[in-house]
Amino acid sequence: MDSVGLWKGIDLEQSEKDMLEAVNERYPKTFQRVKIRSQPHWGSFLGALHVFIKRFLESSVDTLAKDGITSLEEGLDDFENLGFGLSWARERLEMVKNMKFGNDPLRLKLMVDEECVNVTRKEMNEASARLEKARLDYHKAVDNRTKTVNEVAQKFGAKYDDVLNGNLGFGMLPRH
């Protein structure tokens, strides 16, 4: 082992030391009940705790199955039996367990709401596609009308529009 120094009197690798220091700063109760001594087995315990915490932190909630949660709970039990205070990890794991697999009414409502969001998103995407097609059709119709207006103006003169939208004699006699 490439030791870089002591952490609570135990020789550790840098990655182990860094993680345990970070845990100790963020969750100081983690190590409150344990009496870490300069004995060889504590290096093993802290190394195993490092591996467990790393696995916990890197577990993807999306892919975490019931057996993965059970395995993490067993690991928590083992380290808590040694005196480590891992309530912060247990609380997070319980939240994930309840929200992924529990019968909590909020979880069930969230699942229904999630499905509603997915259906509505699909409808919105379809409506957006229809709107874009309608927008293209509209611009094509405007372009066609403009071409036709130009053809009519060329055939009947520039005042055709005033005649068609006004009176038959529009502009034929001054002031009438």
C-alpha atoms as a PDB file:
ATOM      1  CA  MET A   1       0.000   0.000   0.000  1.00  0.00           C
ATOM      2  CA  ASP A   2       1.317   3.449  -0.896  1.00  0.00           C
ATOM      3  CA  SER A   3       0.796   5.228   2.377  1.00  0.00           C
ATOM      4  CA  VAL A   4       0.875   8.991   2.423  1.00  0.00           C
ATOM      5  CA  GLY A   5       0.428   9.669   6.043  1.00  0.00           C
ATOM      6  CA  LEU A   6      -1.711   9.147   9.028  1.00  0.00           C
ATOM      7  CA  TRP A   7      -5.401   9.671   9.478  1.00  0.00           C
ATOM      8  CA  LYS A   8      -6.492   9.312  13.098  1.00  0.00           C
ATOM      9  CA  GLY A   9      -3.253   7.411  13.674  1.00  0.00           C
ATOM     10  CA  ILE A  10      -3.791   4.932  10.835  1.00  0.00           C
ATOM     11  CA  ASP A  11      -1.611   4.666   7.726  1.00  0.00           C
ATOM     12  CA  LEU A  12      -3.893   5.055   4.668  1.00  0.00           C
ATOM     13  CA  GLU A  13      -3.698   5.559   0.924  1.00  0.00           C
ATOM     14  CA  GLN A  14      -4.361   9.103  -0.264  1.00  0.00           C
ATOM     15  CA  SER A  15      -7.778   8.269  -1.794  1.00  0.00           C
ATOM     16  CA  GLU A  16      -8.905   6.607   1.447  1.00  0.00           C
ATOM     17  CA  LYS A  17      -7.634   9.468   3.570  1.00  0.00           C
ATOM     18  CA  ASP A  18      -9.284  12.098   1.319  1.00  0.00           C
ATOM     19  CA  MET A  19     -12.670  10.380   1.363  1.00  0.00           C
ATOM     20  CA  LEU A  20     -12.685   9.697   5.097  1.00  0.00           C
ATOM     21  CA  GLU A  21     -11.694  13.303   5.809  1.00  0.00           C
ATOM     22  CA  ALA A  22     -14.517  14.518   3.551  1.00  0.00           C
ATOM     23  CA  VAL A  23     -17.008  12.223   5.316  1.00  0.00           C
ATOM     24  CA  ASN A  24     -15.740  13.379   8.700  1.00  0.00           C
ATOM     25  CA  GLU A  25     -16.135  17.049   7.725  1.00  0.00           C
ATOM     26  CA  ARG A  26     -19.603  16.624   6.225  1.00  0.00           C
ATOM     27  CA  TYR A  27     -20.959  14.013   8.653  1.00  0.00           C
ATOM     28  CA  PRO A  28     -18.946  14.338  11.887  1.00  0.00           C
ATOM     29  CA  LYS A  29     -21.152  11.838  13.755  1.00  0.00           C
ATOM     30  CA  THR A  30     -19.817   9.087  11.480  1.00  0.00           C
ATOM     31  CA  PHE A  31     -16.740   8.597  13.666  1.00  0.00           C
ATOM     32  CA  GLN A  32     -17.993   9.901  17.047  1.00  0.00           C
ATOM     33  CA  ARG A  33     -18.747   6.518  18.614  1.00  0.00           C
ATOM     34  CA  VAL A  34     -15.682   4.643  17.369  1.00  0.00           C
ATOM     35  CA  LYS A  35     -12.351   4.627  19.154  1.00  0.00           C
ATOM     36  CA  ILE A  36      -9.895   4.343  16.290  1.00  0.00           C
ATOM     37  CA  ARG A  37      -6.574   3.066  17.572  1.00  0.00           C
ATOM     38  CA  SER A  38      -3.190   2.513  15.962  1.00  0.00           C
ATOM     39  CA  GLN A  39      -3.778  -1.181  15.533  1.00  0.00           C
ATOM     40  CA  PRO A  40      -3.453  -3.080  12.237  1.00  0.00           C
ATOM     41  CA  HIS A  41      -7.121  -4.150  12.067  1.00  0.00           C
ATOM     42  CA  TRP A  42      -8.258  -0.488  12.009  1.00  0.00           C
ATOM     43  CA  GLY A  43      -6.466   0.008   8.698  1.00  0.00           C
ATOM     44  CA  SER A  44      -8.548  -2.859   7.307  1.00  0.00           C
ATOM     45  CA  PHE A  45     -11.782  -1.493   8.798  1.00  0.00           C
ATOM     46  CA  LEU A  46     -11.159   1.990   7.411  1.00  0.00           C
ATOM     47  CA  GLY A  47     -10.125   0.578   4.033  1.00  0.00           C
ATOM     48  CA  ALA A  48     -13.333  -1.460   3.903  1.00  0.00           C
ATOM     49  CA  LEU A  49     -15.364   1.579   4.983  1.00  0.00           C
ATOM     50  CA  HIS A  50     -13.746   3.562   2.172  1.00  0.00           C
ATOM     51  CA  VAL A  51     -14.686   0.876  -0.368  1.00  0.00           C
ATOM     52  CA  PHE A  52     -18.253   0.744   0.980  1.00  0.00           C
ATOM     53  CA  ILE A  53     -18.748   4.523   0.950  1.00  0.00           C
ATOM     54  CA  LYS A  54     -17.289   4.734  -2.558  1.00  0.00           C
ATOM     55  CA  ARG A  55     -19.700   2.025  -3.740  1.00  0.00           C
ATOM     56  CA  PHE A  56     -22.581   3.813  -1.997  1.00  0.00           C
ATOM     57  CA  LEU A  57     -21.737   7.177  -3.561  1.00  0.00           C
ATOM     58  CA  GLU A  58     -21.274   5.755  -7.040  1.00  0.00           C
ATOM     59  CA  SER A  59     -24.434   3.609  -7.087  1.00  0.00           C
ATOM     60  CA  SER A  60     -26.796   4.806  -9.783  1.00  0.00           C
ATOM     61  CA  VAL A  61     -30.307   5.305  -8.435  1.00  0.00           C
ATOM     62  CA  ASP A  62     -31.755   4.476 -11.869  1.00  0.00           C
ATOM     63  CA  THR A  63     -30.131   1.042 -11.968  1.00  0.00           C
ATOM     64  CA  LEU A  64     -30.277   0.259  -8.249  1.00  0.00           C
ATOM     65  CA  ALA A  65     -32.413  -2.858  -7.781  1.00  0.00           C
ATOM     66  CA  LYS A  66     -33.908  -4.271  -4.572  1.00  0.00           C
ATOM     67  CA  ASP A  67     -31.003  -6.677  -4.091  1.00  0.00           C
ATOM     68  CA  GLY A  68     -28.548  -3.789  -4.459  1.00  0.00           C
ATOM     69  CA  ILE A  69     -30.408  -1.865  -1.767  1.00  0.00           C
ATOM     70  CA  THR A  70     -30.409  -4.954   0.453  1.00  0.00           C
ATOM     71  CA  SER A  71     -26.654  -5.353  -0.035  1.00  0.00           C
ATOM     72  CA  LEU A  72     -26.061  -1.709   0.892  1.00  0.00           C
ATOM     73  CA  GLU A  73     -28.319  -2.068   3.953  1.00  0.00           C
ATOM     74  CA  GLU A  74     -26.292  -5.100   5.067  1.00  0.00           C
ATOM     75  CA  GLY A  75     -23.089  -3.101   4.653  1.00  0.00           C
ATOM     76  CA  LEU A  76     -24.570  -0.286   6.719  1.00  0.00           C
ATOM     77  CA  ASP A  77     -25.538  -2.794   9.411  1.00  0.00           C
ATOM     78  CA  ASP A  78     -22.001  -4.184   9.508  1.00  0.00           C
ATOM     79  CA  PHE A  79     -20.337  -0.801   9.873  1.00  0.00           C
ATOM     80  CA  GLU A  80     -22.924   0.478  12.348  1.00  0.00           C
ATOM     81  CA  ASN A  81     -22.278  -2.644  14.465  1.00  0.00           C
ATOM     82  CA  LEU A  82     -18.646  -1.538  14.596  1.00  0.00           C
ATOM     83  CA  GLY A  83     -19.813   1.831  15.930  1.00  0.00           C
ATOM     84  CA  PHE A  84     -19.739   3.967  12.790  1.00  0.00           C
ATOM     85  CA  GLY A  85     -22.624   6.441  12.578  1.00  0.00           C
ATOM     86  CA  LEU A  86     -23.957   6.084   9.065  1.00  0.00           C
ATOM     87  CA  SER A  87     -27.458   7.474   9.566  1.00  0.00           C
ATOM     88  CA  TRP A  88     -26.828   9.941   6.723  1.00  0.00           C
ATOM     89  CA  ALA A  89     -26.323   7.041   4.297  1.00  0.00           C
ATOM     90  CA  ARG A  90     -29.192   5.009   5.744  1.00  0.00           C
ATOM     91  CA  GLU A  91     -31.615   7.952   5.412  1.00  0.00           C
ATOM     92  CA  ARG A  92     -30.672   8.441   1.761  1.00  0.00           C
ATOM     93  CA  LEU A  93     -30.992   4.729   1.069  1.00  0.00           C
ATOM     94  CA  GLU A  94     -34.404   4.587   2.781  1.00  0.00           C
ATOM     95  CA  MET A  95     -35.612   7.521   0.697  1.00  0.00           C
ATOM     96  CA  VAL A  96     -34.521   5.814  -2.532  1.00  0.00           C
ATOM     97  CA  LYS A  97     -35.979   2.472  -1.394  1.00  0.00           C
ATOM     98  CA  ASN A  98     -39.353   4.061  -0.579  1.00  0.00           C
ATOM     99  CA  MET A  99     -39.502   6.154  -3.738  1.00  0.00           C
ATOM    100  CA  LYS A 100     -38.464   3.292  -6.035  1.00  0.00           C
ATOM    101  CA  PHE A 101     -40.181   0.307  -4.451  1.00  0.00           C
ATOM    102  CA  GLY A 102     -42.447   1.443  -1.612  1.00  0.00           C
ATOM    103  CA  ASN A 103     -46.187   1.981  -1.407  1.00  0.00           C
ATOM    104  CA  ASP A 104     -45.876   5.577  -0.293  1.00  0.00           C
ATOM    105  CA  PRO A 105     -48.857   7.509  -1.710  1.00  0.00           C
ATOM    106  CA  LEU A 106     -46.496  10.230  -2.924  1.00  0.00           C
ATOM    107  CA  ARG A 107     -44.454   7.663  -4.845  1.00  0.00           C
ATOM    108  CA  LEU A 108     -47.595   6.322  -6.482  1.00  0.00           C
ATOM    109  CA  LYS A 109     -48.780   9.853  -7.282  1.00  0.00           C
ATOM    110  CA  LEU A 110     -45.353  10.671  -8.679  1.00  0.00           C
ATOM    111  CA  MET A 111     -45.529   7.631 -10.962  1.00  0.00           C
ATOM    112  CA  VAL A 112     -48.957   8.740 -12.240  1.00  0.00           C
ATOM    113  CA  ASP A 113     -47.721  12.313 -12.685  1.00  0.00           C
ATOM    114  CA  GLU A 114     -44.618  11.064 -14.498  1.00  0.00           C
ATOM    115  CA  GLU A 115     -46.767   9.084 -16.924  1.00  0.00           C
ATOM    116  CA  CYS A 116     -48.983  12.141 -17.441  1.00  0.00           C
ATOM    117  CA  VAL A 117     -45.897  14.239 -18.212  1.00  0.00           C
ATOM    118  CA  ASN A 118     -44.692  11.653 -20.730  1.00  0.00           C
ATOM    119  CA  VAL A 119     -48.082  11.454 -22.474  1.00  0.00           C
ATOM    120  CA  THR A 120     -48.438  15.228 -22.519  1.00  0.00           C
ATOM    121  CA  ARG A 121     -44.875  15.642 -23.835  1.00  0.00           C
ATOM    122  CA  LYS A 122     -45.682  13.245 -26.667  1.00  0.00           C
ATOM    123  CA  GLU A 123     -48.902  15.140 -27.453  1.00  0.00           C
ATOM    124  CA  MET A 124     -47.019  18.441 -27.317  1.00  0.00           C
ATOM    125  CA  ASN A 125     -44.355  17.132 -29.707  1.00  0.00           C
ATOM    126  CA  GLU A 126     -47.041  15.906 -32.098  1.00  0.00           C
ATOM    127  CA  ALA A 127     -48.889  19.222 -31.852  1.00  0.00           C
ATOM    128  CA  SER A 128     -45.638  21.073 -32.444  1.00  0.00           C
ATOM    129  CA  ALA A 129     -45.041  19.005 -35.582  1.00  0.00           C
ATOM    130  CA  ARG A 130     -48.599  19.726 -36.780  1.00  0.00           C
ATOM    131  CA  LEU A 131     -48.113  23.437 -36.025  1.00  0.00           C
ATOM    132  CA  GLU A 132     -44.865  23.481 -37.989  1.00  0.00           C
ATOM    133  CA  LYS A 133     -46.604  21.790 -40.942  1.00  0.00           C
ATOM    134  CA  ALA A 134     -49.484  24.291 -40.708  1.00  0.00           C
ATOM    135  CA  ARG A 135     -46.956  27.137 -40.577  1.00  0.00           C
ATOM    136  CA  LEU A 136     -45.245  25.818 -43.722  1.00  0.00           C
ATOM    137  CA  ASP A 137     -48.616  25.335 -45.451  1.00  0.00           C
ATOM    138  CA  TYR A 138     -49.626  28.884 -44.478  1.00  0.00           C
ATOM    139  CA  HIS A 139     -46.417  30.395 -45.873  1.00  0.00           C
ATOM    140  CA  LYS A 140     -46.845  28.372 -49.065  1.00  0.00           C
ATOM    141  CA  ALA A 141     -50.440  29.638 -49.405  1.00  0.00           C
ATOM    142  CA  VAL A 142     -49.301  33.249 -48.809  1.00  0.00           C
ATOM    143  CA  ASP A 143     -46.586  32.850 -51.438  1.00  0.00           C
ATOM    144  CA  ASN A 144     -49.106  31.390 -53.918  1.00  0.00           C
ATOM    145  CA  ARG A 145     -51.554  34.230 -53.230  1.00  0.00           C
ATOM    146  CA  THR A 146     -48.801  36.828 -53.698  1.00  0.00           C
ATOM    147  CA  LYS A 147     -47.874  35.284 -57.055  1.00  0.00           C
ATOM    148  CA  THR A 148     -51.531  35.321 -58.116  1.00  0.00           C
ATOM    149  CA  VAL A 149     -51.985  38.935 -56.923  1.00  0.00           C
ATOM    150  CA  ASN A 150     -49.000  39.912 -59.020  1.00  0.00           C
ATOM    151  CA  GLU A 151     -50.455  38.104 -62.046  1.00  0.00           C
ATOM    152  CA  VAL A 152     -53.864  39.823 -61.539  1.00  0.00           C
ATOM    153  CA  ALA A 153     -52.198  43.218 -61.098  1.00  0.00           C
ATOM    154  CA  GLN A 154     -50.248  42.632 -64.278  1.00  0.00           C
ATOM    155  CA  LYS A 155     -53.415  41.681 -66.180  1.00  0.00           C
ATOM    156  CA  PHE A 156     -55.875  44.295 -64.777  1.00  0.00           C
ATOM    157  CA  GLY A 157     -53.638  47.066 -63.489  1.00  0.00           C
ATOM    158  CA  ALA A 158     -52.611  48.269 -60.070  1.00  0.00           C
ATOM    159  CA  LYS A 159     -56.072  49.566 -59.055  1.00  0.00           C
ATOM    160  CA  TYR A 160     -57.845  46.235 -59.374  1.00  0.00           C
ATOM    161  CA  ASP A 161     -57.648  45.698 -55.605  1.00  0.00           C
ATOM    162  CA  ASP A 162     -59.341  49.026 -54.859  1.00  0.00           C
ATOM    163  CA  VAL A 163     -62.152  48.182 -57.265  1.00  0.00           C
ATOM    164  CA  LEU A 164     -62.709  44.675 -55.942  1.00  0.00           C
ATOM    165  CA  ASN A 165     -62.767  45.836 -52.311  1.00  0.00           C
ATOM    166  CA  GLY A 166     -64.802  49.017 -52.856  1.00  0.00           C
ATOM    167  CA  ASN A 167     -67.581  50.254 -55.092  1.00  0.00           C
ATOM    168  CA  LEU A 168     -67.826  49.550 -58.793  1.00  0.00           C
ATOM    169  CA  GLY A 169     -67.090  53.158 -59.678  1.00  0.00           C
ATOM    170  CA  PHE A 170     -64.251  53.627 -57.179  1.00  0.00           C
ATOM    171  CA  GLY A 171     -61.793  56.211 -58.443  1.00  0.00           C
ATOM    172  CA  MET A 172     -63.556  56.761 -61.742  1.00  0.00           C
ATOM    173  CA  LEU A 173     -64.771  60.279 -61.006  1.00  0.00           C
ATOM    174  CA  PRO A 174     -63.096  62.767 -58.704  1.00  0.00           C
ATOM    175  CA  ARG A 175     -64.905  63.290 -55.354  1.00  0.00           C
ATOM    176  CA  HIS A 176     -67.532  60.625 -56.119  1.00  0.00           C
END
